[in-house]
């Protein structure tokens, strides 16, 4: 997986950020933005993924980070659409999506192969005009 991420970063289709405490610089997590091209334009859609350190969970860090990165991606990169792909059993990430003003689009069945098993995914999205 690390080689895949590094290859994406070198191609300019992945931005990988650390989330740190602004007061003391402690590590709180990581957030990634994968850039995708559509038929309409080059690199105009993004997918966000994140992980929050266990000691930092429950403090609103993930929704704040997703909101901040989303707003930056729209204003600075000019993206037309952002999405989050969430496992149906992941209620915490559903709350993050909703707090970050993402809208539910639906269940994508058998979307991904994870550890050799096909899994479903909930799709959430946000557009630049969304409040």
Protein backbone atom coordinates (compact mmCIF):
# COMPACT_ATOMS: atom_id res chain seq x y z
CA UNK A 1 0.00 0.00 0.00
CA UNK A 2 2.83 2.43 0.82
CA UNK A 3 4.29 2.00 -2.69
CA UNK A 4 0.87 2.69 -4.24
CA UNK A 5 0.47 5.89 -2.20
CA UNK A 6 3.99 7.07 -3.01
CA UNK A 7 3.42 6.45 -6.72
CA UNK A 8 0.20 8.49 -6.54
CA UNK A 9 2.00 11.30 -4.72
CA UNK A 10 4.81 11.41 -7.28
CA UNK A 11 2.26 11.56 -10.12
CA UNK A 12 0.63 14.55 -8.44
CA UNK A 13 -2.65 12.73 -7.79
CA UNK A 14 -2.32 12.45 -4.00
CA UNK A 15 -1.86 15.01 -1.27
CA UNK A 16 -1.07 13.59 2.18
CA UNK A 17 -1.23 15.81 5.27
CA UNK A 18 -0.56 15.28 8.95
CA UNK A 19 -3.18 16.59 11.37
CA UNK A 20 -1.44 18.14 14.36
CA UNK A 21 -2.50 20.00 17.48
CA UNK A 22 -2.02 23.73 16.77
CA UNK A 23 -0.92 24.37 20.36
CA UNK A 24 1.75 21.73 20.89
CA UNK A 25 2.27 20.08 17.50
CA UNK A 26 1.17 16.64 18.74
CA UNK A 27 0.17 14.16 16.04
CA UNK A 28 -3.63 13.77 15.83
CA UNK A 29 -4.00 11.91 12.55
CA UNK A 30 -3.65 12.08 8.79
CA UNK A 31 -5.83 13.16 5.90
CA UNK A 32 -5.38 12.34 2.22
CA UNK A 33 -6.82 13.83 -0.94
CA UNK A 34 -6.81 11.60 -4.01
CA UNK A 35 -7.28 13.55 -7.25
CA UNK A 36 -9.14 11.94 -10.12
CA UNK A 37 -9.77 12.98 -13.70
CA UNK A 38 -13.20 12.69 -15.29
CA UNK A 39 -14.12 12.72 -18.95
CA UNK A 40 -15.06 16.39 -18.56
CA UNK A 41 -11.75 17.64 -17.20
CA UNK A 42 -8.39 16.67 -15.76
CA UNK A 43 -8.11 16.18 -12.00
CA UNK A 44 -11.45 17.76 -11.19
CA UNK A 45 -12.75 15.25 -8.63
CA UNK A 46 -11.26 14.37 -5.28
CA UNK A 47 -11.73 11.63 -2.73
CA UNK A 48 -10.82 12.24 0.89
CA UNK A 49 -9.64 9.60 3.33
CA UNK A 50 -8.48 10.12 6.90
CA UNK A 51 -7.42 8.41 10.09
CA UNK A 52 -7.53 9.92 13.56
CA UNK A 53 -5.23 8.72 16.34
CA UNK A 54 -7.22 6.79 18.96
CA UNK A 55 -6.28 9.27 21.72
CA UNK A 56 -7.65 12.15 19.62
CA UNK A 57 -11.03 10.64 18.66
CA UNK A 58 -14.31 12.15 19.81
CA UNK A 59 -13.01 15.73 19.79
CA UNK A 60 -14.40 16.84 16.41
CA UNK A 61 -11.01 16.67 14.72
CA UNK A 62 -12.10 14.55 11.74
CA UNK A 63 -15.08 16.72 10.69
CA UNK A 64 -12.98 19.88 11.09
CA UNK A 65 -10.13 18.42 9.02
CA UNK A 66 -12.47 17.16 6.29
CA UNK A 67 -14.26 20.53 6.13
CA UNK A 68 -10.97 22.46 5.99
CA UNK A 69 -9.45 20.26 3.29
CA UNK A 70 -12.71 20.32 1.31
CA UNK A 71 -12.95 24.10 1.34
CA UNK A 72 -9.28 24.39 0.35
CA UNK A 73 -9.68 21.84 -2.48
CA UNK A 74 -12.61 23.78 -3.92
CA UNK A 75 -11.11 27.25 -3.56
CA UNK A 76 -7.47 26.52 -4.38
CA UNK A 77 -7.55 23.46 -6.64
CA UNK A 78 -10.86 24.32 -8.30
CA UNK A 79 -12.29 20.82 -7.86
CA UNK A 80 -15.84 20.24 -9.07
CA UNK A 81 -16.70 17.42 -6.66
CA UNK A 82 -15.41 15.68 -3.55
CA UNK A 83 -16.44 12.31 -2.21
CA UNK A 84 -16.09 10.09 0.81
CA UNK A 85 -16.39 6.31 0.58
CA UNK A 86 -17.49 4.78 3.90
CA UNK A 87 -18.02 1.22 5.06
CA UNK A 88 -21.72 0.71 5.89
CA UNK A 89 -20.87 -0.37 9.46
CA UNK A 90 -18.76 2.74 10.13
CA UNK A 91 -21.25 4.98 12.00
CA UNK A 92 -18.47 7.32 13.18
CA UNK A 93 -17.42 8.14 9.61
CA UNK A 94 -21.05 8.68 8.61
CA UNK A 95 -21.28 11.30 11.39
CA UNK A 96 -18.04 12.88 10.16
CA UNK A 97 -19.45 13.10 6.62
CA UNK A 98 -22.67 14.70 7.80
CA UNK A 99 -20.87 17.20 10.08
CA UNK A 100 -18.55 18.11 7.19
CA UNK A 101 -21.66 18.93 5.07
CA UNK A 102 -21.40 15.94 2.73
CA UNK A 103 -24.61 14.51 1.28
CA UNK A 104 -25.50 10.84 1.15
CA UNK A 105 -25.77 9.52 -2.41
CA UNK A 106 -26.26 5.81 -1.90
CA UNK A 107 -24.90 2.33 -1.29
CA UNK A 108 -22.42 1.02 -3.83
CA UNK A 109 -22.52 -2.76 -3.62
CA UNK A 110 -19.35 -4.84 -3.86
CA UNK A 111 -17.36 -1.71 -4.70
CA UNK A 112 -13.93 -2.50 -3.30
CA UNK A 113 -11.68 -5.45 -2.69
CA UNK A 114 -10.30 -5.23 0.86
CA UNK A 115 -8.10 -8.01 2.21
CA UNK A 116 -9.39 -10.35 -0.47
CA UNK A 117 -13.09 -9.69 0.19
CA UNK A 118 -15.55 -7.63 -1.85
CA UNK A 119 -17.18 -4.96 0.33
CA UNK A 120 -19.98 -2.42 -0.01
CA UNK A 121 -19.47 1.29 0.44
CA UNK A 122 -21.66 4.27 1.28
CA UNK A 123 -21.03 7.22 -1.02
CA UNK A 124 -21.15 10.77 0.31
CA UNK A 125 -20.32 13.84 -1.78
CA UNK A 126 -19.91 17.57 -1.57
CA UNK A 127 -19.99 20.17 -4.32
CA UNK A 128 -18.54 23.69 -4.20
CA UNK A 129 -22.05 25.21 -3.95
CA UNK A 130 -23.08 23.03 -0.98
CA UNK A 131 -23.41 24.94 2.27
